[in-house]
């Protein structure tokens, strides 16, 4: 480290900023798609110290914790949600449920929604 320079976060590269913008846009596309399918969006980008849930949605008596992936192919999106990601999403969903006791009696599931270029998103309910 250079003398006199305070430690802090590294500068974010232009490529990383672009990926974050695409990810955020994909989450909004996914939320709009879920709304069209009759879901009510309860939370977008719910972040905790344990993990993040991209979308928390409700339809009937089901709560869906949705992981959104922007990929060129459906299978690549599904494959991108590995065991570690699933563990973090489950941990974040547990914290969300602890803060929203009004949904305690609801069934819950974990979905993956893949946003594809120039095509309708693909929803995989109960993916993990």
Protein backbone atom coordinates (compact mmCIF):
# COMPACT_ATOMS: atom_id res chain seq x y z
CA UNK A 1 0.00 0.00 0.00
CA UNK A 2 1.26 3.50 -0.82
CA UNK A 3 2.38 5.61 2.10
CA UNK A 4 -0.41 7.80 3.46
CA UNK A 5 -3.14 5.98 1.58
CA UNK A 6 -6.03 4.72 3.67
CA UNK A 7 -7.18 1.16 3.12
CA UNK A 8 -10.58 0.91 1.50
CA UNK A 9 -12.54 -0.82 -1.17
CA UNK A 10 -10.82 -1.39 -4.46
CA UNK A 11 -12.07 0.69 -7.39
CA UNK A 12 -14.84 -1.00 -9.34
CA UNK A 13 -13.94 -1.81 -12.93
CA UNK A 14 -16.08 -0.69 -15.85
CA UNK A 15 -16.82 -4.34 -16.66
CA UNK A 16 -18.07 -4.98 -13.14
CA UNK A 17 -20.28 -1.88 -13.22
CA UNK A 18 -21.77 -3.07 -16.52
CA UNK A 19 -22.45 -6.52 -15.08
CA UNK A 20 -24.16 -4.96 -12.06
CA UNK A 21 -26.35 -2.80 -14.33
CA UNK A 22 -27.31 -5.82 -16.43
CA UNK A 23 -28.08 -7.80 -13.28
CA UNK A 24 -30.25 -5.03 -11.86
CA UNK A 25 -32.10 -4.63 -15.18
CA UNK A 26 -32.64 -8.40 -15.32
CA UNK A 27 -34.16 -8.33 -11.83
CA UNK A 28 -36.64 -5.65 -12.92
CA UNK A 29 -37.52 -7.65 -16.05
CA UNK A 30 -38.00 -10.75 -13.89
CA UNK A 31 -40.22 -8.84 -11.44
CA UNK A 32 -42.37 -7.50 -14.29
CA UNK A 33 -42.65 -11.02 -15.71
CA UNK A 34 -43.77 -12.39 -12.34
CA UNK A 35 -46.35 -9.61 -12.04
CA UNK A 36 -47.75 -10.65 -15.43
CA UNK A 37 -48.01 -14.22 -14.09
CA UNK A 38 -50.11 -13.02 -11.13
CA UNK A 39 -47.45 -12.74 -8.42
CA UNK A 40 -47.24 -9.87 -5.95
CA UNK A 41 -43.70 -8.61 -5.41
CA UNK A 42 -42.93 -8.27 -1.69
CA UNK A 43 -39.22 -7.45 -1.89
CA UNK A 44 -36.59 -6.75 -4.52
CA UNK A 45 -32.88 -7.27 -3.81
CA UNK A 46 -33.32 -8.23 -0.17
CA UNK A 47 -29.77 -8.15 1.23
CA UNK A 48 -28.59 -9.48 4.58
CA UNK A 49 -25.21 -10.21 6.09
CA UNK A 50 -25.82 -13.90 5.30
CA UNK A 51 -26.90 -13.59 1.69
CA UNK A 52 -29.31 -12.01 -0.77
CA UNK A 53 -32.66 -12.88 -2.28
CA UNK A 54 -33.26 -11.22 -5.66
CA UNK A 55 -37.07 -11.30 -5.45
CA UNK A 56 -39.55 -12.30 -2.77
CA UNK A 57 -42.94 -12.87 -4.42
CA UNK A 58 -46.33 -14.14 -3.28
CA UNK A 59 -49.04 -15.93 -5.20
CA UNK A 60 -51.95 -17.33 -3.25
CA UNK A 61 -50.51 -18.95 -0.14
CA UNK A 62 -47.07 -19.53 -1.66
CA UNK A 63 -43.98 -17.43 -1.03
CA UNK A 64 -41.39 -17.72 -3.77
CA UNK A 65 -37.79 -16.73 -3.11
CA UNK A 66 -36.52 -16.14 -6.63
CA UNK A 67 -32.93 -16.11 -7.84
CA UNK A 68 -32.57 -14.21 -11.13
CA UNK A 69 -29.85 -15.05 -13.65
CA UNK A 70 -29.22 -13.31 -16.98
CA UNK A 71 -27.75 -15.85 -19.36
CA UNK A 72 -27.74 -16.73 -23.05
CA UNK A 73 -29.10 -20.23 -22.40
CA UNK A 74 -31.62 -21.54 -19.89
CA UNK A 75 -29.44 -24.35 -18.60
CA UNK A 76 -26.51 -22.00 -17.96
CA UNK A 77 -28.78 -19.93 -15.72
CA UNK A 78 -29.96 -22.93 -13.75
CA UNK A 79 -26.42 -24.32 -13.45
CA UNK A 80 -25.16 -20.95 -12.14
CA UNK A 81 -27.08 -21.43 -8.88
CA UNK A 82 -24.78 -23.85 -7.08
CA UNK A 83 -24.89 -25.25 -3.57
CA UNK A 84 -23.19 -22.22 -1.97
CA UNK A 85 -25.62 -19.82 -3.66
CA UNK A 86 -28.56 -21.94 -2.56
CA UNK A 87 -27.29 -21.94 1.03
CA UNK A 88 -26.96 -18.12 1.06
CA UNK A 89 -30.42 -17.66 -0.48
CA UNK A 90 -31.98 -19.98 2.10
CA UNK A 91 -30.22 -18.14 4.95
CA UNK A 92 -31.44 -14.76 3.66
CA UNK A 93 -34.97 -16.12 3.20
CA UNK A 94 -34.97 -17.37 6.80
CA UNK A 95 -34.11 -13.85 7.99
CA UNK A 96 -36.81 -12.35 5.76
CA UNK A 97 -39.39 -14.75 7.19
CA UNK A 98 -38.29 -13.94 10.75
CA UNK A 99 -38.99 -10.25 10.08
CA UNK A 100 -42.34 -10.89 8.35
CA UNK A 101 -44.27 -13.14 10.71
CA UNK A 102 -47.53 -12.44 8.83
CA UNK A 103 -46.32 -14.98 6.23
CA UNK A 104 -45.48 -17.72 8.76
CA UNK A 105 -48.26 -20.06 7.56
CA UNK A 106 -47.39 -19.76 3.87
CA UNK A 107 -45.74 -22.52 1.86
CA UNK A 108 -42.34 -21.52 0.57
CA UNK A 109 -40.28 -22.50 -2.40
CA UNK A 110 -37.08 -21.48 -4.16
CA UNK A 111 -37.32 -20.57 -7.83
CA UNK A 112 -34.85 -19.65 -10.53
CA UNK A 113 -35.83 -17.19 -13.24
CA UNK A 114 -33.49 -16.97 -16.22
CA UNK A 115 -33.63 -13.76 -18.26
CA UNK A 116 -32.72 -14.56 -21.86
CA UNK A 117 -31.69 -12.16 -24.62
CA UNK A 118 -34.55 -11.23 -26.97
CA UNK A 119 -36.83 -13.93 -25.50
CA UNK A 120 -39.32 -14.28 -22.70
CA UNK A 121 -37.76 -15.10 -19.35
CA UNK A 122 -37.89 -18.73 -18.28
CA UNK A 123 -39.28 -19.49 -14.81
CA UNK A 124 -38.24 -22.66 -12.96
CA UNK A 125 -40.53 -22.99 -9.91
CA UNK A 126 -39.28 -25.04 -6.98
CA UNK A 127 -35.84 -25.33 -8.59
CA UNK A 128 -34.02 -26.20 -5.36
